[in-house]
Amino acid sequence: MASLCLLDEDGGTAGRWEISNEPLAVGRGEGADIVVADDSLSRRHFVVMREGGRCVIKDLNSANGTFVDGQPVRAAALRHSDCIRAGRTLFVFTEQDSGGGTRPAATTP
C-alpha cells in the first residue's frame, strides 16, 4: 500500500491519501483530488500515479516546481520516505508491502 501524507507545520500528519490505480492530482484548485490552501501551489501542481509496479510523481508545469528530497523534478519514481515539497507544502510518500513492512527501494538497471 502506498500513501501520500500531508504534513502540518509541526511535522505531524494533517492528511493521508492512499494511492490507488487512479492518478492523484494535488493543487490549490477545486479540480485537484487533494486541495491544499497554499497560494504558492498551482491549481493542479503535481500528480502521483502508478506506472507498472512503481509510484511516480509528475510535475504539471507548475509555476514554482515540485521537489523530491530537495531536488527539482519533472517526473521521478518515488521511494519510501521521500519528502515532496510543492510551494510551501510538504508531503511524505510512504510505501508498505502487503505484510506490513516497508518495501525496499526499487533499483534501476
PDB file of N, CA and C in Angstrom:
ATOM      1  N   MET A   1       0.851  -1.176   0.000  1.00  0.00           N
ATOM      2  CA  MET A   1       0.000   0.000   0.000  1.00  0.00           C
ATOM      3  C   MET A   1       0.893   1.234   0.000  1.00  0.00           C
ATOM      4  N   ALA A   2       0.604   2.158  -0.886  1.00  0.00           N
ATOM      5  CA  ALA A   2       1.354   3.406  -0.976  1.00  0.00           C
ATOM      6  C   ALA A   2       0.434   4.557  -0.575  1.00  0.00           C
ATOM      7  N   SER A   3       1.011   5.544   0.108  1.00  0.00           N
ATOM      8  CA  SER A   3       0.229   6.680   0.585  1.00  0.00           C
ATOM      9  C   SER A   3       1.003   7.980   0.408  1.00  0.00           C
ATOM     10  N   LEU A   4       0.239   9.054   0.319  1.00  0.00           N
ATOM     11  CA  LEU A   4       0.787  10.395   0.311  1.00  0.00           C
ATOM     12  C   LEU A   4       0.271  11.074   1.569  1.00  0.00           C
ATOM     13  N   CYS A   5       1.202  11.544   2.418  1.00  0.00           N
ATOM     14  CA  CYS A   5       0.833  12.169   3.685  1.00  0.00           C
ATOM     15  C   CYS A   5       1.160  13.656   3.639  1.00  0.00           C
ATOM     16  N   LEU A   6       0.177  14.486   3.939  1.00  0.00           N
ATOM     17  CA  LEU A   6       0.358  15.924   4.048  1.00  0.00           C
ATOM     18  C   LEU A   6       0.848  16.224   5.460  1.00  0.00           C
ATOM     19  N   LEU A   7       1.932  17.003   5.550  1.00  0.00           N
ATOM     20  CA  LEU A   7       2.475  17.346   6.862  1.00  0.00           C
ATOM     21  C   LEU A   7       1.978  18.715   7.297  1.00  0.00           C
ATOM     22  N   ASP A   8       1.702  18.854   8.603  1.00  0.00           N
ATOM     23  CA  ASP A   8       1.308  20.156   9.127  1.00  0.00           C
ATOM     24  C   ASP A   8       2.562  20.934   9.525  1.00  0.00           C
ATOM     25  N   GLU A   9       2.389  22.130  10.061  1.00  0.00           N
ATOM     26  CA  GLU A   9       3.515  22.996  10.411  1.00  0.00           C
ATOM     27  C   GLU A   9       4.441  22.385  11.455  1.00  0.00           C
ATOM     28  N   ASP A  10       3.927  21.481  12.283  1.00  0.00           N
ATOM     29  CA  ASP A  10       4.728  20.846  13.323  1.00  0.00           C
ATOM     30  C   ASP A  10       5.331  19.520  12.879  1.00  0.00           C
ATOM     31  N   GLY A  11       5.118  19.127  11.623  1.00  0.00           N
ATOM     32  CA  GLY A  11       5.639  17.871  11.109  1.00  0.00           C
ATOM     33  C   GLY A  11       4.730  16.687  11.329  1.00  0.00           C
ATOM     34  N   GLY A  12       3.557  16.927  11.902  1.00  0.00           N
ATOM     35  CA  GLY A  12       2.575  15.852  12.087  1.00  0.00           C
ATOM     36  C   GLY A  12       1.788  15.614  10.809  1.00  0.00           C
ATOM     37  N   THR A  13       1.057  14.548  10.773  1.00  0.00           N
ATOM     38  CA  THR A  13       0.259  14.213   9.600  1.00  0.00           C
ATOM     39  C   THR A  13      -1.065  14.962   9.631  1.00  0.00           C
ATOM     40  N   ALA A  14      -1.283  15.816   8.623  1.00  0.00           N
ATOM     41  CA  ALA A  14      -2.525  16.589   8.527  1.00  0.00           C
ATOM     42  C   ALA A  14      -3.540  15.903   7.619  1.00  0.00           C
ATOM     43  N   GLY A  15      -3.084  14.985   6.782  1.00  0.00           N
ATOM     44  CA  GLY A  15      -3.969  14.251   5.881  1.00  0.00           C
ATOM     45  C   GLY A  15      -3.208  13.105   5.256  1.00  0.00           C
ATOM     46  N   ARG A  16      -3.942  12.069   4.848  1.00  0.00           N
ATOM     47  CA  ARG A  16      -3.314  10.887   4.251  1.00  0.00           C
ATOM     48  C   ARG A  16      -4.230  10.333   3.174  1.00  0.00           C
ATOM     49  N   TRP A  17      -3.647  10.056   2.000  1.00  0.00           N
ATOM     50  CA  TRP A  17      -4.418   9.542   0.881  1.00  0.00           C
ATOM     51  C   TRP A  17      -3.711   8.315   0.324  1.00  0.00           C
ATOM     52  N   GLU A  18      -4.463   7.244   0.135  1.00  0.00           N
ATOM     53  CA  GLU A  18      -3.917   6.031  -0.463  1.00  0.00           C
ATOM     54  C   GLU A  18      -3.813   6.219  -1.969  1.00  0.00           C
ATOM     55  N   ILE A  19      -2.733   5.757  -2.530  1.00  0.00           N
ATOM     56  CA  ILE A  19      -2.528   5.848  -3.974  1.00  0.00           C
ATOM     57  C   ILE A  19      -3.032   4.555  -4.598  1.00  0.00           C
ATOM     58  N   SER A  20      -4.108   4.689  -5.349  1.00  0.00           N
ATOM     59  CA  SER A  20      -4.723   3.518  -5.989  1.00  0.00           C
ATOM     60  C   SER A  20      -4.258   3.467  -7.443  1.00  0.00           C
ATOM     61  N   ASN A  21      -5.043   2.845  -8.277  1.00  0.00           N
ATOM     62  CA  ASN A  21      -4.716   2.767  -9.698  1.00  0.00           C
ATOM     63  C   ASN A  21      -5.072   4.043 -10.445  1.00  0.00           C
ATOM     64  N   GLU A  22      -5.810   4.944  -9.803  1.00  0.00           N
ATOM     65  CA  GLU A  22      -6.169   6.220 -10.425  1.00  0.00           C
ATOM     66  C   GLU A  22      -5.156   7.292 -10.030  1.00  0.00           C
ATOM     67  N   PRO A  23      -4.766   8.157 -10.961  1.00  0.00           N
ATOM     68  CA  PRO A  23      -3.845   9.251 -10.617  1.00  0.00           C
ATOM     69  C   PRO A  23      -4.437  10.140  -9.527  1.00  0.00           C
ATOM     70  N   LEU A  24      -3.573  10.693  -8.699  1.00  0.00           N
ATOM     71  CA  LEU A  24      -3.965  11.549  -7.587  1.00  0.00           C
ATOM     72  C   LEU A  24      -3.332  12.919  -7.813  1.00  0.00           C
ATOM     73  N   ALA A  25      -4.159  13.908  -8.201  1.00  0.00           N
ATOM     74  CA  ALA A  25      -3.666  15.253  -8.503  1.00  0.00           C
ATOM     75  C   ALA A  25      -3.708  16.122  -7.254  1.00  0.00           C
ATOM     76  N   VAL A  26      -2.654  16.928  -7.079  1.00  0.00           N
ATOM     77  CA  VAL A  26      -2.526  17.815  -5.925  1.00  0.00           C
ATOM     78  C   VAL A  26      -2.427  19.253  -6.421  1.00  0.00           C
ATOM     79  N   GLY A  27      -3.153  20.160  -5.771  1.00  0.00           N
ATOM     80  CA  GLY A  27      -3.078  21.573  -6.118  1.00  0.00           C
ATOM     81  C   GLY A  27      -3.990  22.393  -5.232  1.00  0.00           C
ATOM     82  N   ARG A  28      -4.102  23.690  -5.561  1.00  0.00           N
ATOM     83  CA  ARG A  28      -4.957  24.570  -4.759  1.00  0.00           C
ATOM     84  C   ARG A  28      -6.337  24.751  -5.384  1.00  0.00           C
ATOM     85  N   GLY A  29      -6.535  24.273  -6.607  1.00  0.00           N
ATOM     86  CA  GLY A  29      -7.808  24.451  -7.296  1.00  0.00           C
ATOM     87  C   GLY A  29      -8.783  23.327  -7.037  1.00  0.00           C
ATOM     88  N   GLU A  30     -10.057  23.627  -7.229  1.00  0.00           N
ATOM     89  CA  GLU A  30     -11.110  22.635  -6.977  1.00  0.00           C
ATOM     90  C   GLU A  30     -11.015  21.419  -7.888  1.00  0.00           C
ATOM     91  N   GLY A  31     -10.300  21.515  -8.990  1.00  0.00           N
ATOM     92  CA  GLY A  31     -10.142  20.387  -9.906  1.00  0.00           C
ATOM     93  C   GLY A  31      -9.136  19.351  -9.438  1.00  0.00           C
ATOM     94  N   ALA A  32      -8.405  19.645  -8.366  1.00  0.00           N
ATOM     95  CA  ALA A  32      -7.425  18.699  -7.831  1.00  0.00           C
ATOM     96  C   ALA A  32      -8.114  17.682  -6.932  1.00  0.00           C
ATOM     97  N   ASP A  33      -7.537  16.500  -6.827  1.00  0.00           N
ATOM     98  CA  ASP A  33      -8.064  15.475  -5.921  1.00  0.00           C
ATOM     99  C   ASP A  33      -7.740  15.825  -4.465  1.00  0.00           C
ATOM    100  N   ILE A  34      -6.549  16.384  -4.260  1.00  0.00           N
ATOM    101  CA  ILE A  34      -6.139  16.859  -2.940  1.00  0.00           C
ATOM    102  C   ILE A  34      -6.002  18.369  -3.057  1.00  0.00           C
ATOM    103  N   VAL A  35      -6.899  19.096  -2.411  1.00  0.00           N
ATOM    104  CA  VAL A  35      -6.892  20.561  -2.470  1.00  0.00           C
ATOM    105  C   VAL A  35      -6.210  21.088  -1.211  1.00  0.00           C
ATOM    106  N   VAL A  36      -5.162  21.897  -1.423  1.00  0.00           N
ATOM    107  CA  VAL A  36      -4.396  22.455  -0.315  1.00  0.00           C
ATOM    108  C   VAL A  36      -4.457  23.975  -0.411  1.00  0.00           C
ATOM    109  N   ALA A  37      -4.762  24.629   0.701  1.00  0.00           N
ATOM    110  CA  ALA A  37      -4.838  26.089   0.739  1.00  0.00           C
ATOM    111  C   ALA A  37      -3.427  26.661   0.866  1.00  0.00           C
ATOM    112  N   ASP A  38      -2.741  26.744  -0.271  1.00  0.00           N
ATOM    113  CA  ASP A  38      -1.385  27.278  -0.332  1.00  0.00           C
ATOM    114  C   ASP A  38      -1.298  28.078  -1.623  1.00  0.00           C
ATOM    115  N   ASP A  39      -1.216  29.405  -1.505  1.00  0.00           N
ATOM    116  CA  ASP A  39      -1.189  30.273  -2.682  1.00  0.00           C
ATOM    117  C   ASP A  39       0.021  30.036  -3.573  1.00  0.00           C
ATOM    118  N   SER A  40       1.054  29.383  -3.065  1.00  0.00           N
ATOM    119  CA  SER A  40       2.242  29.119  -3.878  1.00  0.00           C
ATOM    120  C   SER A  40       2.109  27.840  -4.699  1.00  0.00           C
ATOM    121  N   LEU A  41       0.992  27.118  -4.538  1.00  0.00           N
ATOM    122  CA  LEU A  41       0.705  25.948  -5.374  1.00  0.00           C
ATOM    123  C   LEU A  41      -0.034  26.385  -6.634  1.00  0.00           C
ATOM    124  N   SER A  42       0.198  25.672  -7.716  1.00  0.00           N
ATOM    125  CA  SER A  42      -0.612  25.860  -8.912  1.00  0.00           C
ATOM    126  C   SER A  42      -1.964  25.191  -8.686  1.00  0.00           C
ATOM    127  N   ARG A  43      -2.934  25.523  -9.516  1.00  0.00           N
ATOM    128  CA  ARG A  43      -4.268  24.913  -9.356  1.00  0.00           C
ATOM    129  C   ARG A  43      -4.181  23.388  -9.423  1.00  0.00           C
ATOM    130  N   ARG A  44      -3.417  22.870 -10.357  1.00  0.00           N
ATOM    131  CA  ARG A  44      -3.076  21.444 -10.439  1.00  0.00           C
ATOM    132  C   ARG A  44      -1.556  21.404 -10.514  1.00  0.00           C
ATOM    133  N   HIS A  45      -0.912  21.120  -9.399  1.00  0.00           N
ATOM    134  CA  HIS A  45       0.530  21.276  -9.252  1.00  0.00           C
ATOM    135  C   HIS A  45       1.303  20.024  -9.668  1.00  0.00           C
ATOM    136  N   PHE A  46       0.940  18.881  -9.090  1.00  0.00           N
ATOM    137  CA  PHE A  46       1.590  17.622  -9.463  1.00  0.00           C
ATOM    138  C   PHE A  46       0.608  16.479  -9.338  1.00  0.00           C
ATOM    139  N   VAL A  47       1.005  15.347  -9.906  1.00  0.00           N
ATOM    140  CA  VAL A  47       0.180  14.145  -9.843  1.00  0.00           C
ATOM    141  C   VAL A  47       1.066  12.980  -9.422  1.00  0.00           C
ATOM    142  N   VAL A  48       0.495  12.072  -8.625  1.00  0.00           N
ATOM    143  CA  VAL A  48       1.161  10.822  -8.258  1.00  0.00           C
ATOM    144  C   VAL A  48       0.329   9.705  -8.857  1.00  0.00           C
ATOM    145  N   MET A  49       1.018   8.773  -9.524  1.00  0.00           N
ATOM    146  CA  MET A  49       0.300   7.673 -10.180  1.00  0.00           C
ATOM    147  C   MET A  49       1.151   6.415 -10.161  1.00  0.00           C
ATOM    148  N   ARG A  50       0.475   5.320 -10.411  1.00  0.00           N
ATOM    149  CA  ARG A  50       1.176   4.042 -10.542  1.00  0.00           C
ATOM    150  C   ARG A  50       1.546   3.835 -12.006  1.00  0.00           C
ATOM    151  N   GLU A  51       2.776   3.417 -12.209  1.00  0.00           N
ATOM    152  CA  GLU A  51       3.251   3.012 -13.532  1.00  0.00           C
ATOM    153  C   GLU A  51       3.967   1.695 -13.336  1.00  0.00           C
ATOM    154  N   GLY A  52       3.367   0.637 -13.860  1.00  0.00           N
ATOM    155  CA  GLY A  52       3.916  -0.687 -13.588  1.00  0.00           C
ATOM    156  C   GLY A  52       3.768  -0.983 -12.112  1.00  0.00           C
ATOM    157  N   GLY A  53       4.810  -1.416 -11.472  1.00  0.00           N
ATOM    158  CA  GLY A  53       4.775  -1.710 -10.047  1.00  0.00           C
ATOM    159  C   GLY A  53       5.272  -0.576  -9.180  1.00  0.00           C
ATOM    160  N   ARG A  54       5.500   0.597  -9.773  1.00  0.00           N
ATOM    161  CA  ARG A  54       6.067   1.716  -9.020  1.00  0.00           C
ATOM    162  C   ARG A  54       5.105   2.893  -8.984  1.00  0.00           C
ATOM    163  N   CYS A  55       5.338   3.787  -8.031  1.00  0.00           N
ATOM    164  CA  CYS A  55       4.617   5.058  -7.989  1.00  0.00           C
ATOM    165  C   CYS A  55       5.552   6.138  -8.513  1.00  0.00           C
ATOM    166  N   VAL A  56       5.016   7.010  -9.331  1.00  0.00           N
ATOM    167  CA  VAL A  56       5.802   8.106  -9.882  1.00  0.00           C
ATOM    168  C   VAL A  56       5.087   9.424  -9.614  1.00  0.00           C
ATOM    169  N   ILE A  57       5.872  10.487  -9.545  1.00  0.00           N
ATOM    170  CA  ILE A  57       5.354  11.833  -9.392  1.00  0.00           C
ATOM    171  C   ILE A  57       5.679  12.589 -10.667  1.00  0.00           C
ATOM    172  N   LYS A  58       4.725  13.395 -11.116  1.00  0.00           N
ATOM    173  CA  LYS A  58       4.929  14.210 -12.310  1.00  0.00           C
ATOM    174  C   LYS A  58       4.468  15.626 -12.021  1.00  0.00           C
ATOM    175  N   ASP A  59       5.369  16.580 -12.241  1.00  0.00           N
ATOM    176  CA  ASP A  59       5.022  17.982 -12.118  1.00  0.00           C
ATOM    177  C   ASP A  59       4.126  18.351 -13.297  1.00  0.00           C
ATOM    178  N   LEU A  60       3.097  19.140 -13.048  1.00  0.00           N
ATOM    179  CA  LEU A  60       2.135  19.513 -14.093  1.00  0.00           C
ATOM    180  C   LEU A  60       2.403  20.936 -14.591  1.00  0.00           C
ATOM    181  N   ASN A  61       3.684  21.199 -14.921  1.00  0.00           N
ATOM    182  CA  ASN A  61       4.112  22.523 -15.396  1.00  0.00           C
ATOM    183  C   ASN A  61       3.753  23.611 -14.386  1.00  0.00           C
ATOM    184  N   SER A  62       3.977  23.312 -13.114  1.00  0.00           N
ATOM    185  CA  SER A  62       3.653  24.250 -12.047  1.00  0.00           C
ATOM    186  C   SER A  62       4.575  25.466 -12.109  1.00  0.00           C
ATOM    187  N   ALA A  63       4.092  26.574 -11.582  1.00  0.00           N
ATOM    188  CA  ALA A  63       4.870  27.818 -11.584  1.00  0.00           C
ATOM    189  C   ALA A  63       6.085  27.737 -10.659  1.00  0.00           C
ATOM    190  N   ASN A  64       5.959  27.077  -9.519  1.00  0.00           N
ATOM    191  CA  ASN A  64       7.032  27.048  -8.522  1.00  0.00           C
ATOM    192  C   ASN A  64       7.776  25.725  -8.436  1.00  0.00           C
ATOM    193  N   GLY A  65       7.421  24.755  -9.262  1.00  0.00           N
ATOM    194  CA  GLY A  65       8.143  23.492  -9.303  1.00  0.00           C
ATOM    195  C   GLY A  65       7.742  22.516  -8.212  1.00  0.00           C
ATOM    196  N   THR A  66       8.195  21.286  -8.408  1.00  0.00           N
ATOM    197  CA  THR A  66       7.980  20.193  -7.471  1.00  0.00           C
ATOM    198  C   THR A  66       9.347  19.630  -7.121  1.00  0.00           C
ATOM    199  N   PHE A  67       9.572  19.361  -5.839  1.00  0.00           N
ATOM    200  CA  PHE A  67      10.875  18.906  -5.368  1.00  0.00           C
ATOM    201  C   PHE A  67      10.719  17.604  -4.599  1.00  0.00           C
ATOM    202  N   VAL A  68      11.580  16.644  -4.879  1.00  0.00           N
ATOM    203  CA  VAL A  68      11.619  15.381  -4.145  1.00  0.00           C
ATOM    204  C   VAL A  68      12.975  15.309  -3.462  1.00  0.00           C
ATOM    205  N   ASP A  69      12.952  15.222  -2.156  1.00  0.00           N
ATOM    206  CA  ASP A  69      14.174  15.221  -1.340  1.00  0.00           C
ATOM    207  C   ASP A  69      15.101  16.368  -1.729  1.00  0.00           C
ATOM    208  N   GLY A  70      14.507  17.544  -1.956  1.00  0.00           N
ATOM    209  CA  GLY A  70      15.270  18.753  -2.234  1.00  0.00           C
ATOM    210  C   GLY A  70      15.683  18.952  -3.681  1.00  0.00           C
ATOM    211  N   GLN A  71      15.418  17.980  -4.537  1.00  0.00           N
ATOM    212  CA  GLN A  71      15.812  18.064  -5.941  1.00  0.00           C
ATOM    213  C   GLN A  71      14.599  18.383  -6.821  1.00  0.00           C
ATOM    214  N   PRO A  72      14.730  19.358  -7.734  1.00  0.00           N
ATOM    215  CA  PRO A  72      13.607  19.650  -8.624  1.00  0.00           C
ATOM    216  C   PRO A  72      13.373  18.475  -9.572  1.00  0.00           C
ATOM    217  N   VAL A  73      12.097  18.145  -9.790  1.00  0.00           N
ATOM    218  CA  VAL A  73      11.763  17.025 -10.681  1.00  0.00           C
ATOM    219  C   VAL A  73      10.638  17.428 -11.630  1.00  0.00           C
ATOM    220  N   ARG A  74      10.698  16.881 -12.822  1.00  0.00           N
ATOM    221  CA  ARG A  74       9.573  16.932 -13.758  1.00  0.00           C
ATOM    222  C   ARG A  74       8.801  15.624 -13.635  1.00  0.00           C
ATOM    223  N   ALA A  75       9.553  14.531 -13.482  1.00  0.00           N
ATOM    224  CA  ALA A  75       8.980  13.205 -13.260  1.00  0.00           C
ATOM    225  C   ALA A  75      10.036  12.376 -12.539  1.00  0.00           C
ATOM    226  N   ALA A  76       9.592  11.561 -11.584  1.00  0.00           N
ATOM    227  CA  ALA A  76      10.536  10.737 -10.827  1.00  0.00           C
ATOM    228  C   ALA A  76       9.796   9.578 -10.185  1.00  0.00           C
ATOM    229  N   ALA A  77      10.492   8.441 -10.080  1.00  0.00           N
ATOM    230  CA  ALA A  77       9.966   7.315  -9.310  1.00  0.00           C
ATOM    231  C   ALA A  77      10.085   7.665  -7.834  1.00  0.00           C
ATOM    232  N   LEU A  78       9.075   7.310  -7.062  1.00  0.00           N
ATOM    233  CA  LEU A  78       9.072   7.597  -5.628  1.00  0.00           C
ATOM    234  C   LEU A  78       9.524   6.379  -4.843  1.00  0.00           C
ATOM    235  N   ARG A  79      10.201   6.646  -3.717  1.00  0.00           N
ATOM    236  CA  ARG A  79      10.641   5.597  -2.805  1.00  0.00           C
ATOM    237  C   ARG A  79      10.102   5.907  -1.422  1.00  0.00           C
ATOM    238  N   HIS A  80       9.992   4.877  -0.614  1.00  0.00           N
ATOM    239  CA  HIS A  80       9.501   5.035   0.757  1.00  0.00           C
ATOM    240  C   HIS A  80      10.260   6.156   1.468  1.00  0.00           C
ATOM    241  N   SER A  81       9.540   7.031   2.129  1.00  0.00           N
ATOM    242  CA  SER A  81      10.047   8.151   2.926  1.00  0.00           C
ATOM    243  C   SER A  81      10.515   9.344   2.112  1.00  0.00           C
ATOM    244  N   ASP A  82      10.260   9.375   0.799  1.00  0.00           N
ATOM    245  CA  ASP A  82      10.608  10.559   0.018  1.00  0.00           C
ATOM    246  C   ASP A  82       9.808  11.751   0.529  1.00  0.00           C
ATOM    247  N   CYS A  83      10.481  12.892   0.649  1.00  0.00           N
ATOM    248  CA  CYS A  83       9.841  14.143   1.049  1.00  0.00           C
ATOM    249  C   CYS A  83       9.558  14.956  -0.208  1.00  0.00           C
ATOM    250  N   ILE A  84       8.321  15.383  -0.371  1.00  0.00           N
ATOM    251  CA  ILE A  84       7.887  16.136  -1.549  1.00  0.00           C
ATOM    252  C   ILE A  84       7.526  17.541  -1.104  1.00  0.00           C
ATOM    253  N   ARG A  85       8.119  18.542  -1.769  1.00  0.00           N
ATOM    254  CA  ARG A  85       7.763  19.935  -1.485  1.00  0.00           C
ATOM    255  C   ARG A  85       7.182  20.549  -2.741  1.00  0.00           C
ATOM    256  N   ALA A  86       6.030  21.152  -2.578  1.00  0.00           N
ATOM    257  CA  ALA A  86       5.354  21.888  -3.645  1.00  0.00           C
ATOM    258  C   ALA A  86       4.899  23.198  -3.022  1.00  0.00           C
ATOM    259  N   GLY A  87       5.403  24.305  -3.530  1.00  0.00           N
ATOM    260  CA  GLY A  87       5.120  25.582  -2.890  1.00  0.00           C
ATOM    261  C   GLY A  87       5.674  25.559  -1.478  1.00  0.00           C
ATOM    262  N   ARG A  88       4.857  25.915  -0.500  1.00  0.00           N
ATOM    263  CA  ARG A  88       5.263  25.868   0.909  1.00  0.00           C
ATOM    264  C   ARG A  88       4.735  24.609   1.601  1.00  0.00           C
ATOM    265  N   THR A  89       4.204  23.679   0.825  1.00  0.00           N
ATOM    266  CA  THR A  89       3.549  22.494   1.367  1.00  0.00           C
ATOM    267  C   THR A  89       4.474  21.286   1.290  1.00  0.00           C
ATOM    268  N   LEU A  90       4.485  20.493   2.373  1.00  0.00           N
ATOM    269  CA  LEU A  90       5.311  19.287   2.431  1.00  0.00           C
ATOM    270  C   LEU A  90       4.445  18.040   2.519  1.00  0.00           C
ATOM    271  N   PHE A  91       4.872  17.023   1.786  1.00  0.00           N
ATOM    272  CA  PHE A  91       4.253  15.706   1.809  1.00  0.00           C
ATOM    273  C   PHE A  91       5.351  14.672   2.039  1.00  0.00           C
ATOM    274  N   VAL A  92       4.960  13.509   2.537  1.00  0.00           N
ATOM    275  CA  VAL A  92       5.859  12.362   2.620  1.00  0.00           C
ATOM    276  C   VAL A  92       5.173  11.205   1.906  1.00  0.00           C
ATOM    277  N   PHE A  93       5.929  10.526   1.052  1.00  0.00           N
ATOM    278  CA  PHE A  93       5.448   9.336   0.359  1.00  0.00           C
ATOM    279  C   PHE A  93       5.839   8.127   1.194  1.00  0.00           C
ATOM    280  N   THR A  94       4.883   7.254   1.473  1.00  0.00           N
ATOM    281  CA  THR A  94       5.170   6.022   2.207  1.00  0.00           C
ATOM    282  C   THR A  94       4.676   4.837   1.404  1.00  0.00           C
ATOM    283  N   GLU A  95       5.392   3.738   1.547  1.00  0.00           N
ATOM    284  CA  GLU A  95       5.014   2.519   0.831  1.00  0.00           C
ATOM    285  C   GLU A  95       5.319   1.325   1.712  1.00  0.00           C
ATOM    286  N   GLN A  96       4.331   0.459   1.870  1.00  0.00           N
ATOM    287  CA  GLN A  96       4.498  -0.749   2.660  1.00  0.00           C
ATOM    288  C   GLN A  96       4.129  -1.949   1.815  1.00  0.00           C
ATOM    289  N   ASP A  97       4.813  -3.068   2.074  1.00  0.00           N
ATOM    290  CA  ASP A  97       4.433  -4.293   1.371  1.00  0.00           C
ATOM    291  C   ASP A  97       3.188  -4.876   2.025  1.00  0.00           C
ATOM    292  N   SER A  98       2.631  -5.902   1.455  1.00  0.00           N
ATOM    293  CA  SER A  98       1.377  -6.460   1.957  1.00  0.00           C
ATOM    294  C   SER A  98       1.522  -7.073   3.332  1.00  0.00           C
ATOM    295  N   GLY A  99       2.754  -7.346   3.772  1.00  0.00           N
ATOM    296  CA  GLY A  99       2.974  -7.903   5.104  1.00  0.00           C
ATOM    297  C   GLY A  99       3.077  -6.861   6.183  1.00  0.00           C
ATOM    298  N   GLY A 100       2.981  -5.579   5.816  1.00  0.00           N
ATOM    299  CA  GLY A 100       3.013  -4.525   6.809  1.00  0.00           C
ATOM    300  C   GLY A 100       4.356  -3.856   6.965  1.00  0.00           C
ATOM    301  N   GLY A 101       5.408  -4.429   6.374  1.00  0.00           N
ATOM    302  CA  GLY A 101       6.733  -3.817   6.465  1.00  0.00           C
ATOM    303  C   GLY A 101       6.954  -2.832   5.334  1.00  0.00           C
ATOM    304  N   THR A 102       8.019  -2.065   5.443  1.00  0.00           N
ATOM    305  CA  THR A 102       8.313  -1.138   4.356  1.00  0.00           C
ATOM    306  C   THR A 102       8.945  -1.888   3.207  1.00  0.00           C
ATOM    307  N   ARG A 103       8.656  -1.433   2.026  1.00  0.00           N
ATOM    308  CA  ARG A 103       9.183  -2.053   0.829  1.00  0.00           C
ATOM    309  C   ARG A 103      10.558  -1.457   0.544  1.00  0.00           C
ATOM    310  N   PRO A 104      11.568  -2.286   0.226  1.00  0.00           N
ATOM    311  CA  PRO A 104      12.874  -1.729  -0.087  1.00  0.00           C
ATOM    312  C   PRO A 104      12.798  -0.866  -1.333  1.00  0.00           C
ATOM    313  N   ALA A 105      13.706   0.086  -1.419  1.00  0.00           N
ATOM    314  CA  ALA A 105      13.739   0.968  -2.585  1.00  0.00           C
ATOM    315  C   ALA A 105      14.011   0.147  -3.840  1.00  0.00           C
ATOM    316  N   ALA A 106      13.288   0.479  -4.892  1.00  0.00           N
ATOM    317  CA  ALA A 106      13.481  -0.215  -6.163  1.00  0.00           C
ATOM    318  C   ALA A 106      14.809   0.226  -6.778  1.00  0.00           C
ATOM    319  N   THR A 107      15.477  -0.692  -7.413  1.00  0.00           N
ATOM    320  CA  THR A 107      16.724  -0.351  -8.097  1.00  0.00           C
ATOM    321  C   THR A 107      16.466  -0.310  -9.581  1.00  0.00           C
ATOM    322  N   THR A 108      17.189   0.551 -10.254  1.00  0.00           N
ATOM    323  CA  THR A 108      17.061   0.628 -11.707  1.00  0.00           C
ATOM    324  C   THR A 108      18.360   0.149 -12.325  1.00  0.00           C
ATOM    325  N   PRO A 109      18.271  -0.615 -13.387  1.00  0.00           N
ATOM    326  CA  PRO A 109      19.497  -1.139 -14.019  1.00  0.00           C
ATOM    327  C   PRO A 109      20.299  -0.051 -14.683  1.00  0.00           C
TER     328      PRO A 109
END
